[in-house]
Protein backbone atom coordinates (compact mmCIF):
# COMPACT_ATOMS: atom_id res chain seq x y z
CA UNK A 1 0.00 0.00 0.00
CA UNK A 2 2.91 2.33 0.58
CA UNK A 3 4.13 1.72 -2.94
CA UNK A 4 4.15 4.61 -5.37
CA UNK A 5 3.59 2.21 -8.27
CA UNK A 6 0.51 0.76 -9.94
CA UNK A 7 -0.05 -1.88 -7.25
CA UNK A 8 -0.19 0.68 -4.46
CA UNK A 9 -2.59 2.79 -6.55
CA UNK A 10 -4.79 -0.23 -7.15
CA UNK A 11 -4.89 -1.26 -3.49
CA UNK A 12 -5.76 2.24 -2.28
CA UNK A 13 -8.94 2.29 -4.36
CA UNK A 14 -12.22 1.46 -2.61
CA UNK A 15 -12.72 -1.57 -4.89
CA UNK A 16 -12.89 -5.08 -3.42
CA UNK A 17 -9.56 -6.82 -2.85
CA UNK A 18 -9.00 -10.58 -2.76
CA UNK A 19 -5.95 -11.71 -0.81
CA UNK A 20 -4.58 -15.23 -1.15
CA UNK A 21 -2.71 -16.96 1.64
CA UNK A 22 -0.93 -20.21 2.31
CA UNK A 23 -1.75 -21.58 5.78
CA UNK A 24 1.74 -21.71 7.23
CA UNK A 25 3.04 -19.71 10.17
CA UNK A 26 4.99 -17.31 7.90
CA UNK A 27 2.08 -17.16 5.44
CA UNK A 28 -0.38 -16.21 8.16
CA UNK A 29 2.01 -13.57 9.52
CA UNK A 30 2.17 -12.00 6.06
CA UNK A 31 -1.61 -12.22 5.81
CA UNK A 32 -1.99 -10.47 9.16
CA UNK A 33 0.32 -7.66 8.02
CA UNK A 34 -1.66 -7.24 4.79
CA UNK A 35 -5.01 -7.28 6.59
CA UNK A 36 -3.94 -4.37 8.79
CA UNK A 37 -3.65 -2.27 5.64
CA UNK A 38 -6.72 -3.36 3.69
CA UNK A 39 -10.37 -2.46 4.09
CA UNK A 40 -12.65 -5.51 4.15
CA UNK A 41 -10.74 -7.86 1.85
CA UNK A 42 -11.87 -11.34 0.90
CA UNK A 43 -9.28 -13.96 1.91
CA UNK A 44 -8.76 -17.09 -0.19
CA UNK A 45 -6.75 -19.62 1.81
CA UNK A 46 -5.16 -22.52 -0.05
CA UNK A 47 -5.96 -25.67 1.91
CA UNK A 48 -5.04 -29.34 1.57
CA UNK A 49 -7.30 -31.13 -0.90
CA UNK A 50 -7.86 -33.91 1.62
CA UNK A 51 -7.47 -33.73 5.32
CA UNK A 52 -7.43 -30.84 7.70
CA UNK A 53 -5.11 -28.10 8.72
CA UNK A 54 -3.13 -28.65 11.91
CA UNK A 55 -4.86 -27.25 15.00
CA UNK A 56 -2.38 -24.40 15.56
CA UNK A 57 -3.07 -23.12 12.04
CA UNK A 58 -6.83 -23.44 12.50
CA UNK A 59 -6.54 -21.43 15.72
CA UNK A 60 -4.38 -18.82 13.98
CA UNK A 61 -6.95 -18.47 11.18
CA UNK A 62 -9.73 -18.14 13.74
CA UNK A 63 -7.72 -15.43 15.51
CA UNK A 64 -7.29 -13.56 12.23
CA UNK A 65 -11.00 -13.95 11.48
CA UNK A 66 -11.82 -12.37 14.84
CA UNK A 67 -9.08 -9.71 14.94
CA UNK A 68 -9.80 -8.42 11.45
CA UNK A 69 -13.58 -8.96 11.57
CA UNK A 70 -13.50 -11.27 8.57
CA UNK A 71 -16.73 -13.10 9.49
CA UNK A 72 -17.69 -14.97 6.31
CA UNK A 73 -14.91 -13.51 4.17
CA UNK A 74 -12.40 -16.37 4.46
CA UNK A 75 -12.81 -18.95 1.70
CA UNK A 76 -10.88 -22.23 1.67
CA UNK A 77 -9.52 -23.07 -1.77
CA UNK A 78 -8.55 -26.75 -2.09
CA UNK A 79 -5.08 -27.36 -3.44
CA UNK A 80 -5.22 -29.39 -6.63
CA UNK A 81 -2.02 -31.38 -7.30
CA UNK A 82 -2.28 -30.98 -11.08
CA UNK A 83 -2.76 -27.21 -10.86
CA UNK A 84 0.06 -26.98 -8.36
CA UNK A 85 2.57 -28.64 -10.65
CA UNK A 86 1.31 -27.72 -14.14
CA UNK A 87 -0.75 -24.59 -13.64
CA UNK A 88 -3.99 -23.87 -15.47
CA UNK A 89 -4.35 -25.05 -19.04
CA UNK A 90 -7.22 -25.80 -21.42
CA UNK A 91 -8.51 -28.59 -19.14
CA UNK A 92 -11.58 -27.97 -17.06
CA UNK A 93 -10.80 -26.70 -13.57
CA UNK A 94 -11.63 -29.10 -10.74
CA UNK A 95 -15.15 -28.59 -9.35
CA UNK A 96 -13.84 -27.81 -5.87
CA UNK A 97 -11.72 -24.96 -7.24
CA UNK A 98 -14.61 -23.61 -9.33
CA UNK A 99 -16.87 -23.75 -6.27
CA UNK A 100 -14.33 -21.82 -4.16
CA UNK A 101 -13.92 -19.21 -6.93
CA UNK A 102 -17.71 -18.82 -7.08
CA UNK A 103 -17.79 -18.23 -3.31
CA UNK A 104 -15.10 -15.56 -3.57
CA UNK A 105 -16.93 -13.86 -6.44
CA UNK A 106 -20.23 -13.88 -4.57
CA UNK A 107 -18.64 -12.30 -1.49
CA UNK A 108 -17.01 -9.63 -3.67
CA UNK A 109 -20.29 -8.89 -5.45
CA UNK A 110 -22.28 -8.79 -2.19
CA UNK A 111 -19.88 -6.26 -0.68
CA UNK A 112 -19.27 -4.28 -3.85
CA UNK A 113 -20.97 -1.12 -2.62
CA UNK A 114 -19.23 -1.29 0.78
CA UNK A 115 -16.14 0.93 0.98
């Protein structure tokens, strides 16, 4: 946000911002720092495709949800092994990823008029 470049200009606008995060201790620290500077962002957290996050990371996400008043604005995005290694291509995206993207879009659209 302190940047004089195009990214800083973009982030200072009252438009919705989607922040992505990896649920690791360093990733959540970076997310916390970013959340202090943003107004009502939507947070997309990359999560394991199967299984759960370790309890300390779940607690840390809950703390961020409370501290930054994120309520329903954290969306888990399942990690797809093919996308992780090959990136997107002409193949159809996995349904779980499409569903997560739809959730993010709906949250952005619902809060569009909120500064």
